[in-house]
Amino acid sequence: MEKGYSIKSKPVYGTLVWQDHAMQHVVIAEGEGGKALLKLFQQKLPREPLIVLYLAADQHAEKYANTLHKLLDDPIMVSHTQPDLLEQLRTTLAACYMGTQFYVAGTEGFIWKVAAVLRDVGVDDKNVFKELCGSLGRRVYCVHCKTTNEAVHHTIHVCTGCGRHLFVREHFSRLMGAYMGFMVDAEVPGDIPAAEEMYP
């Protein structure tokens, strides 16, 4: 592999920073993404209209939610399940207008589920700023049975749909919000290398 070579499909994440040209800000986060929100709000409180959606699925996340409530004048919308948050986001999008910028913080799986909702209503990905927080577990799409496996931490993963041993490739599909998983022993059945933890 040449020096400096990188997988072009693999997402590159940054740190959330306010976009000064925005007409409105929509901030969406889950779990450890609450820390990214606190850092964002330490920069400043924007003068433009602001909407905050937060997924607090455990007691640790509830602490972030409580801190955010105290920090902001406007109440934040707290959900306790991912489907509820995504539905709240769809409702929120109906009131958004041109010039809205979106900020998403959380695990990779969460980020790309939110990105899919935004894409479905025509939001350009260049207007969606992403910060990866918490677990590095990956979403892996099985190319054989079309099952999406959540929170995969090893290089070899047994598909929850078809039971095949999948090799987790570095190729990432933004459309599916997942890495591609291919049967590891397709050429030599039963020849399965040891799995290594790569994504804690």
C-alpha atoms as a PDB file:
ATOM      1  CA  MET A   1       0.000   0.000   0.000  1.00  0.00           C
ATOM      2  CA  GLU A   2       1.417   3.392  -1.003  1.00  0.00           C
ATOM      3  CA  LYS A   3       2.278   5.896   1.667  1.00  0.00           C
ATOM      4  CA  GLY A   4      -0.572   8.323   2.218  1.00  0.00           C
ATOM      5  CA  TYR A   5      -3.156   5.998   0.598  1.00  0.00           C
ATOM      6  CA  SER A   6      -6.553   6.007   2.292  1.00  0.00           C
ATOM      7  CA  ILE A   7      -9.919   4.392   1.689  1.00  0.00           C
ATOM      8  CA  LYS A   8     -11.851   7.137  -0.101  1.00  0.00           C
ATOM      9  CA  SER A   9     -15.276   5.784   0.843  1.00  0.00           C
ATOM     10  CA  LYS A  10     -14.469   5.750   4.567  1.00  0.00           C
ATOM     11  CA  PRO A  11     -16.117   8.718   6.304  1.00  0.00           C
ATOM     12  CA  VAL A  12     -13.959  11.405   7.873  1.00  0.00           C
ATOM     13  CA  TYR A  13     -15.444  12.990  10.973  1.00  0.00           C
ATOM     14  CA  GLY A  14     -14.567  16.310  12.544  1.00  0.00           C
ATOM     15  CA  THR A  15     -15.454  18.381  15.590  1.00  0.00           C
ATOM     16  CA  LEU A  16     -18.747  20.253  15.602  1.00  0.00           C
ATOM     17  CA  VAL A  17     -18.327  23.988  14.976  1.00  0.00           C
ATOM     18  CA  TRP A  18     -21.093  26.544  14.468  1.00  0.00           C
ATOM     19  CA  GLN A  19     -21.636  27.576  10.863  1.00  0.00           C
ATOM     20  CA  ASP A  20     -21.880  31.359  11.005  1.00  0.00           C
ATOM     21  CA  HIS A  21     -23.783  31.668   7.723  1.00  0.00           C
ATOM     22  CA  ALA A  22     -26.649  29.492   9.006  1.00  0.00           C
ATOM     23  CA  MET A  23     -30.195  30.835   9.187  1.00  0.00           C
ATOM     24  CA  GLN A  24     -31.166  28.083  11.657  1.00  0.00           C
ATOM     25  CA  HIS A  25     -29.355  25.321  13.554  1.00  0.00           C
ATOM     26  CA  VAL A  26     -30.631  21.792  14.223  1.00  0.00           C
ATOM     27  CA  VAL A  27     -28.451  19.783  16.617  1.00  0.00           C
ATOM     28  CA  ILE A  28     -29.014  16.032  16.983  1.00  0.00           C
ATOM     29  CA  ALA A  29     -27.081  13.758  19.339  1.00  0.00           C
ATOM     30  CA  GLU A  30     -27.175  10.518  21.295  1.00  0.00           C
ATOM     31  CA  GLY A  31     -25.409   9.252  24.419  1.00  0.00           C
ATOM     32  CA  GLU A  32     -21.759  10.343  24.463  1.00  0.00           C
ATOM     33  CA  GLY A  33     -22.632  12.828  21.752  1.00  0.00           C
ATOM     34  CA  GLY A  34     -23.912  14.929  24.653  1.00  0.00           C
ATOM     35  CA  LYS A  35     -20.277  15.762  25.421  1.00  0.00           C
ATOM     36  CA  ALA A  36     -19.844  17.068  21.859  1.00  0.00           C
ATOM     37  CA  LEU A  37     -22.936  19.236  22.347  1.00  0.00           C
ATOM     38  CA  LEU A  38     -21.558  20.710  25.555  1.00  0.00           C
ATOM     39  CA  LYS A  39     -18.311  21.591  23.741  1.00  0.00           C
ATOM     40  CA  LEU A  40     -20.344  23.117  20.916  1.00  0.00           C
ATOM     41  CA  PHE A  41     -22.348  25.297  23.288  1.00  0.00           C
ATOM     42  CA  GLN A  42     -19.195  26.371  25.123  1.00  0.00           C
ATOM     43  CA  GLN A  43     -18.124  28.054  21.870  1.00  0.00           C
ATOM     44  CA  LYS A  44     -21.184  30.315  22.005  1.00  0.00           C
ATOM     45  CA  LEU A  45     -24.969  30.256  22.025  1.00  0.00           C
ATOM     46  CA  PRO A  46     -26.073  31.088  18.481  1.00  0.00           C
ATOM     47  CA  ARG A  47     -28.439  33.995  17.881  1.00  0.00           C
ATOM     48  CA  GLU A  48     -30.191  32.135  15.082  1.00  0.00           C
ATOM     49  CA  PRO A  49     -33.148  29.811  15.807  1.00  0.00           C
ATOM     50  CA  LEU A  50     -31.945  26.617  17.466  1.00  0.00           C
ATOM     51  CA  ILE A  51     -33.492  23.149  17.790  1.00  0.00           C
ATOM     52  CA  VAL A  52     -31.826  20.429  19.881  1.00  0.00           C
ATOM     53  CA  LEU A  53     -32.831  16.748  19.761  1.00  0.00           C
ATOM     54  CA  TYR A  54     -31.113  14.361  22.132  1.00  0.00           C
ATOM     55  CA  LEU A  55     -31.361  10.603  22.639  1.00  0.00           C
ATOM     56  CA  ALA A  56     -30.901   9.775  26.326  1.00  0.00           C
ATOM     57  CA  ALA A  57     -31.112   6.001  26.392  1.00  0.00           C
ATOM     58  CA  ASP A  58     -29.406   5.479  29.775  1.00  0.00           C
ATOM     59  CA  GLN A  59     -28.761   7.217  33.112  1.00  0.00           C
ATOM     60  CA  HIS A  60     -25.358   8.479  32.001  1.00  0.00           C
ATOM     61  CA  ALA A  61     -26.954  10.193  28.998  1.00  0.00           C
ATOM     62  CA  GLU A  62     -29.675  11.647  31.243  1.00  0.00           C
ATOM     63  CA  LYS A  63     -26.934  13.636  33.016  1.00  0.00           C
ATOM     64  CA  TYR A  64     -25.943  15.227  29.707  1.00  0.00           C
ATOM     65  CA  ALA A  65     -29.607  15.973  29.012  1.00  0.00           C
ATOM     66  CA  ASN A  66     -30.026  17.678  32.398  1.00  0.00           C
ATOM     67  CA  THR A  67     -26.887  19.779  31.866  1.00  0.00           C
ATOM     68  CA  LEU A  68     -28.079  20.824  28.411  1.00  0.00           C
ATOM     69  CA  HIS A  69     -31.482  21.804  29.843  1.00  0.00           C
ATOM     70  CA  LYS A  70     -29.765  24.119  32.339  1.00  0.00           C
ATOM     71  CA  LEU A  71     -27.458  25.596  29.699  1.00  0.00           C
ATOM     72  CA  LEU A  72     -30.069  26.494  27.095  1.00  0.00           C
ATOM     73  CA  ASP A  73     -32.948  28.929  27.312  1.00  0.00           C
ATOM     74  CA  ASP A  74     -35.091  26.864  24.979  1.00  0.00           C
ATOM     75  CA  PRO A  75     -35.996  23.337  26.097  1.00  0.00           C
ATOM     76  CA  ILE A  76     -34.307  20.481  24.289  1.00  0.00           C
ATOM     77  CA  MET A  77     -36.343  17.594  22.922  1.00  0.00           C
ATOM     78  CA  VAL A  78     -35.275  14.405  24.697  1.00  0.00           C
ATOM     79  CA  SER A  79     -36.154  10.964  23.345  1.00  0.00           C
ATOM     80  CA  HIS A  80     -35.485   7.636  25.027  1.00  0.00           C
ATOM     81  CA  THR A  81     -35.467   5.379  21.949  1.00  0.00           C
ATOM     82  CA  GLN A  82     -33.840   5.853  18.560  1.00  0.00           C
ATOM     83  CA  PRO A  83     -37.099   5.386  16.585  1.00  0.00           C
ATOM     84  CA  ASP A  84     -38.730   8.112  18.722  1.00  0.00           C
ATOM     85  CA  LEU A  85     -35.844  10.517  18.070  1.00  0.00           C
ATOM     86  CA  LEU A  86     -35.901   9.866  14.322  1.00  0.00           C
ATOM     87  CA  GLU A  87     -39.656  10.442  14.246  1.00  0.00           C
ATOM     88  CA  GLN A  88     -39.181  13.672  16.210  1.00  0.00           C
ATOM     89  CA  LEU A  89     -36.566  14.693  13.642  1.00  0.00           C
ATOM     90  CA  ARG A  90     -38.975  14.064  10.762  1.00  0.00           C
ATOM     91  CA  THR A  91     -41.565  16.260  12.479  1.00  0.00           C
ATOM     92  CA  THR A  92     -38.960  18.959  13.122  1.00  0.00           C
ATOM     93  CA  LEU A  93     -37.849  19.008   9.485  1.00  0.00           C
ATOM     94  CA  ALA A  94     -41.299  20.159   8.395  1.00  0.00           C
ATOM     95  CA  ALA A  95     -40.612  23.486  10.155  1.00  0.00           C
ATOM     96  CA  CYS A  96     -37.061  23.971   8.809  1.00  0.00           C
ATOM     97  CA  TYR A  97     -36.241  26.358   5.998  1.00  0.00           C
ATOM     98  CA  MET A  98     -33.473  27.194   3.538  1.00  0.00           C
ATOM     99  CA  GLY A  99     -30.172  27.954   5.233  1.00  0.00           C
ATOM    100  CA  THR A 100     -30.636  25.432   8.058  1.00  0.00           C
ATOM    101  CA  GLN A 101     -27.416  23.693   9.100  1.00  0.00           C
ATOM    102  CA  PHE A 102     -27.440  20.301  10.821  1.00  0.00           C
ATOM    103  CA  TYR A 103     -25.035  19.004  13.466  1.00  0.00           C
ATOM    104  CA  VAL A 104     -24.960  15.308  14.430  1.00  0.00           C
ATOM    105  CA  ALA A 105     -22.941  13.647  17.210  1.00  0.00           C
ATOM    106  CA  GLY A 106     -22.952  10.015  18.285  1.00  0.00           C
ATOM    107  CA  THR A 107     -21.927   6.562  17.169  1.00  0.00           C
ATOM    108  CA  GLU A 108     -21.380   5.886  13.481  1.00  0.00           C
ATOM    109  CA  GLY A 109     -24.595   3.895  13.198  1.00  0.00           C
ATOM    110  CA  PHE A 110     -26.593   6.741  14.745  1.00  0.00           C
ATOM    111  CA  ILE A 111     -24.945   9.404  12.574  1.00  0.00           C
ATOM    112  CA  TRP A 112     -25.821   7.616   9.348  1.00  0.00           C
ATOM    113  CA  LYS A 113     -29.390   6.804  10.391  1.00  0.00           C
ATOM    114  CA  VAL A 114     -29.894  10.531  10.990  1.00  0.00           C
ATOM    115  CA  ALA A 115     -28.142  11.314   7.688  1.00  0.00           C
ATOM    116  CA  ALA A 116     -30.567   8.971   5.893  1.00  0.00           C
ATOM    117  CA  VAL A 117     -33.589  10.819   7.312  1.00  0.00           C
ATOM    118  CA  LEU A 118     -32.065  14.146   6.233  1.00  0.00           C
ATOM    119  CA  ARG A 119     -31.219  12.807   2.771  1.00  0.00           C
ATOM    120  CA  ASP A 120     -34.802  11.572   2.294  1.00  0.00           C
ATOM    121  CA  VAL A 121     -36.096  15.152   2.575  1.00  0.00           C
ATOM    122  CA  GLY A 122     -33.430  16.565   0.275  1.00  0.00           C
ATOM    123  CA  VAL A 123     -30.861  17.910   2.733  1.00  0.00           C
ATOM    124  CA  ASP A 124     -27.439  18.142   1.056  1.00  0.00           C
ATOM    125  CA  ASP A 125     -24.803  16.194   3.002  1.00  0.00           C
ATOM    126  CA  LYS A 126     -22.494  19.246   2.889  1.00  0.00           C
ATOM    127  CA  ASN A 127     -24.957  20.891   5.297  1.00  0.00           C
ATOM    128  CA  VAL A 128     -24.648  18.020   7.801  1.00  0.00           C
ATOM    129  CA  PHE A 129     -21.685  18.253  10.195  1.00  0.00           C
ATOM    130  CA  LYS A 130     -20.752  15.044  12.009  1.00  0.00           C
ATOM    131  CA  GLU A 131     -18.749  14.199  15.126  1.00  0.00           C
ATOM    132  CA  LEU A 132     -18.082  10.569  16.037  1.00  0.00           C
ATOM    133  CA  CYS A 133     -18.536   9.863  19.765  1.00  0.00           C
ATOM    134  CA  GLY A 134     -18.742   6.793  21.969  1.00  0.00           C
ATOM    135  CA  SER A 135     -18.334   3.258  20.670  1.00  0.00           C
ATOM    136  CA  LEU A 136     -16.490   2.700  17.387  1.00  0.00           C
ATOM    137  CA  GLY A 137     -18.631  -0.381  16.693  1.00  0.00           C
ATOM    138  CA  ARG A 138     -19.588  -0.509  13.031  1.00  0.00           C
ATOM    139  CA  ARG A 139     -22.770  -1.156  11.083  1.00  0.00           C
ATOM    140  CA  VAL A 140     -22.012  -3.961   8.637  1.00  0.00           C
ATOM    141  CA  TYR A 141     -24.155  -4.785   5.626  1.00  0.00           C
ATOM    142  CA  CYS A 142     -24.117  -8.445   4.581  1.00  0.00           C
ATOM    143  CA  VAL A 143     -23.895  -8.502   0.788  1.00  0.00           C
ATOM    144  CA  HIS A 144     -25.263 -12.072   0.809  1.00  0.00           C
ATOM    145  CA  CYS A 145     -28.549 -11.767   2.738  1.00  0.00           C
ATOM    146  CA  LYS A 146     -28.854  -7.952   2.900  1.00  0.00           C
ATOM    147  CA  THR A 147     -29.001  -7.854   6.711  1.00  0.00           C
ATOM    148  CA  THR A 148     -27.510  -4.826   8.449  1.00  0.00           C
ATOM    149  CA  ASN A 149     -25.586  -5.926  11.550  1.00  0.00           C
ATOM    150  CA  GLU A 150     -25.306  -3.339  14.321  1.00  0.00           C
ATOM    151  CA  ALA A 151     -22.382  -2.577  16.665  1.00  0.00           C
ATOM    152  CA  VAL A 152     -19.785  -4.890  15.089  1.00  0.00           C
ATOM    153  CA  HIS A 153     -16.440  -4.766  16.925  1.00  0.00           C
ATOM    154  CA  HIS A 154     -14.366  -7.468  15.199  1.00  0.00           C
ATOM    155  CA  THR A 155     -12.790  -7.960  11.781  1.00  0.00           C
ATOM    156  CA  ILE A 156     -14.760 -11.213  11.371  1.00  0.00           C
ATOM    157  CA  HIS A 157     -18.441 -11.193  12.311  1.00  0.00           C
ATOM    158  CA  VAL A 158     -21.147 -13.852  12.204  1.00  0.00           C
ATOM    159  CA  CYS A 159     -24.074 -12.332  10.298  1.00  0.00           C
ATOM    160  CA  THR A 160     -27.248 -12.157  12.374  1.00  0.00           C
ATOM    161  CA  GLY A 161     -29.289 -12.811   9.243  1.00  0.00           C
ATOM    162  CA  CYS A 162     -27.662 -15.745   7.451  1.00  0.00           C
ATOM    163  CA  GLY A 163     -24.989 -16.967   9.883  1.00  0.00           C
ATOM    164  CA  ARG A 164     -22.135 -16.530   7.421  1.00  0.00           C
ATOM    165  CA  HIS A 165     -18.762 -15.438   8.749  1.00  0.00           C
ATOM    166  CA  LEU A 166     -18.270 -11.977   7.267  1.00  0.00           C
ATOM    167  CA  PHE A 167     -15.019 -10.136   6.695  1.00  0.00           C
ATOM    168  CA  VAL A 168     -15.642  -6.470   7.549  1.00  0.00           C
ATOM    169  CA  ARG A 169     -14.196  -4.436   4.702  1.00  0.00           C
ATOM    170  CA  GLU A 170     -13.125  -0.799   4.891  1.00  0.00           C
ATOM    171  CA  HIS A 171     -15.504   0.102   2.059  1.00  0.00           C
ATOM    172  CA  PHE A 172     -18.317   2.273   3.432  1.00  0.00           C
ATOM    173  CA  SER A 173     -21.626   2.903   1.674  1.00  0.00           C
ATOM    174  CA  ARG A 174     -23.118   6.286   2.573  1.00  0.00           C
ATOM    175  CA  LEU A 175     -26.410   5.220   1.007  1.00  0.00           C
ATOM    176  CA  MET A 176     -26.682   2.244   3.377  1.00  0.00           C
ATOM    177  CA  GLY A 177     -24.780   3.881   6.223  1.00  0.00           C
ATOM    178  CA  ALA A 178     -22.711   0.721   6.673  1.00  0.00           C
ATOM    179  CA  TYR A 179     -19.479  -1.088   5.885  1.00  0.00           C
ATOM    180  CA  MET A 180     -19.630  -4.023   3.495  1.00  0.00           C
ATOM    181  CA  GLY A 181     -19.341  -7.561   4.863  1.00  0.00           C
ATOM    182  CA  PHE A 182     -18.309 -10.466   2.595  1.00  0.00           C
ATOM    183  CA  MET A 183     -18.248 -14.193   3.330  1.00  0.00           C
ATOM    184  CA  VAL A 184     -14.725 -14.844   4.557  1.00  0.00           C
ATOM    185  CA  ASP A 185     -14.536 -18.520   3.578  1.00  0.00           C
ATOM    186  CA  ALA A 186     -16.246 -18.385   0.175  1.00  0.00           C
ATOM    187  CA  GLU A 187     -13.257 -19.898  -1.645  1.00  0.00           C
ATOM    188  CA  VAL A 188     -12.225 -22.401   1.039  1.00  0.00           C
ATOM    189  CA  PRO A 189     -15.265 -23.363   3.164  1.00  0.00           C
ATOM    190  CA  GLY A 190     -14.410 -23.590   6.847  1.00  0.00           C
ATOM    191  CA  ASP A 191     -11.139 -21.644   6.485  1.00  0.00           C
ATOM    192  CA  ILE A 192     -12.012 -18.862   8.912  1.00  0.00           C
ATOM    193  CA  PRO A 193      -9.221 -16.716  10.375  1.00  0.00           C
ATOM    194  CA  ALA A 194      -9.328 -15.604  13.984  1.00  0.00           C
ATOM    195  CA  ALA A 195     -11.384 -12.474  14.584  1.00  0.00           C
ATOM    196  CA  GLU A 196      -9.566  -9.426  15.919  1.00  0.00           C
ATOM    197  CA  GLU A 197     -11.183  -6.633  17.882  1.00  0.00           C
ATOM    198  CA  MET A 198     -10.630  -3.507  15.806  1.00  0.00           C
ATOM    199  CA  TYR A 199     -13.528  -1.228  16.642  1.00  0.00           C
ATOM    200  CA  PRO A 200     -13.918  -0.985  20.460  1.00  0.00           C
END
